[in-house]
Amino acid sequence: MMGGELPMKEAEMAIAALDSDGDGLLSLEDFIALMEAGGKEQKLNDLKVAFDMYDTESCGFITPKSLKKMLKKMGESKSIDECKSMIK
């Protein structure tokens, strides 16, 4: 579930179920398997959630302004012109 909260007990159970080598950690291969495990509907929903994070103006598009705002939240400062170039 992208962007949601997961209680510690459920997180531990999820890691235990996905941990292929039993070391208590998710390897890259484990993570890839997790990402590929969801059905098409779940993947589309995850993409929509991710898109909506960038569509801060709720206009159905990622605008340079909304991209700049989201990048700033992630600690990356870009100008509007740089954001325009990224979108192109």
Protein backbone atom coordinates (compact mmCIF):
# COMPACT_ATOMS: atom_id res chain seq x y z
CA MET A 1 0.00 0.00 0.00
CA MET A 2 1.63 3.23 -1.11
CA GLY A 3 1.46 6.17 1.22
CA GLY A 4 -0.45 4.33 3.93
CA GLU A 5 0.52 3.49 7.47
CA LEU A 6 1.27 -0.07 8.47
CA PRO A 7 1.33 -1.16 12.12
CA MET A 8 4.73 -2.57 13.22
CA LYS A 9 3.33 -6.08 13.77
CA GLU A 10 1.89 -6.18 10.23
CA ALA A 11 5.13 -4.80 8.78
CA GLU A 12 7.14 -7.52 10.55
CA MET A 13 4.75 -10.20 9.25
CA ALA A 14 4.99 -8.81 5.71
CA ILE A 15 8.79 -8.78 5.79
CA ALA A 16 8.88 -12.32 7.18
CA ALA A 17 6.60 -13.50 4.37
CA LEU A 18 8.67 -11.81 1.66
CA ASP A 19 12.17 -12.38 3.02
CA SER A 20 13.58 -15.07 0.69
CA ASP A 21 16.81 -15.75 2.61
CA GLY A 22 15.52 -15.40 6.18
CA ASP A 23 17.87 -12.57 7.20
CA GLY A 24 15.02 -10.30 8.33
CA LEU A 25 15.68 -7.83 5.51
CA LEU A 26 14.20 -7.33 2.07
CA SER A 27 16.80 -7.65 -0.66
CA LEU A 28 16.42 -5.99 -4.04
CA GLU A 29 15.12 -9.29 -5.42
CA ASP A 30 12.56 -9.51 -2.59
CA PHE A 31 11.46 -5.93 -3.26
CA ILE A 32 11.11 -6.58 -7.00
CA ALA A 33 9.00 -9.67 -6.27
CA LEU A 34 6.81 -7.55 -3.98
CA MET A 35 6.33 -4.89 -6.67
CA GLU A 36 5.55 -7.49 -9.33
CA ALA A 37 3.15 -9.43 -7.10
CA GLY A 38 0.27 -6.95 -7.27
CA GLY A 39 -2.36 -7.43 -9.92
CA LYS A 40 -2.91 -5.02 -12.79
CA GLU A 41 -5.65 -3.18 -10.89
CA GLN A 42 -3.38 -2.69 -7.85
CA LYS A 43 -0.52 -1.45 -10.05
CA LEU A 44 -2.81 1.06 -11.76
CA ASN A 45 -4.07 2.23 -8.37
CA ASP A 46 -0.49 2.63 -7.11
CA LEU A 47 0.39 4.68 -10.19
CA LYS A 48 -2.69 6.86 -9.67
CA VAL A 49 -1.72 7.48 -6.03
CA ALA A 50 1.82 8.41 -7.11
CA PHE A 51 0.49 10.67 -9.90
CA ASP A 52 -1.91 12.38 -7.52
CA MET A 53 1.01 13.22 -5.22
CA TYR A 54 2.47 15.30 -8.07
CA ASP A 55 -0.88 16.70 -9.28
CA THR A 56 -1.06 19.13 -6.35
CA GLU A 57 -3.36 21.45 -8.28
CA SER A 58 -5.87 18.62 -8.91
CA CYS A 59 -6.08 19.54 -12.58
CA GLY A 60 -5.29 16.10 -14.02
CA PHE A 61 -1.79 17.13 -15.11
CA ILE A 62 1.63 17.44 -13.55
CA THR A 63 2.39 21.12 -14.06
CA PRO A 64 5.82 22.72 -13.65
CA LYS A 65 4.50 24.43 -10.51
CA SER A 66 3.20 21.20 -8.97
CA LEU A 67 6.40 19.33 -9.90
CA LYS A 68 8.50 22.07 -8.28
CA LYS A 69 6.36 21.85 -5.14
CA MET A 70 6.69 18.06 -4.88
CA LEU A 71 10.42 18.09 -5.55
CA LYS A 72 10.85 20.70 -2.83
CA LYS A 73 9.03 18.39 -0.39
CA MET A 74 11.59 15.71 -1.28
CA GLY A 75 14.46 18.12 -0.60
CA GLU A 76 15.32 18.94 -4.19
CA SER A 77 15.18 22.56 -5.34
CA LYS A 78 14.45 23.14 -9.04
CA SER A 79 13.44 26.25 -10.95
CA ILE A 80 10.20 26.43 -12.94
CA ASP A 81 12.26 26.30 -16.15
CA GLU A 82 14.02 23.13 -14.95
CA CYS A 83 10.65 21.60 -14.13
CA LYS A 84 9.35 22.52 -17.59
CA SER A 85 12.34 20.73 -19.11
CA MET A 86 11.75 17.66 -16.95
CA ILE A 87 8.13 17.46 -18.06
CA LYS A 88 9.06 17.82 -21.74
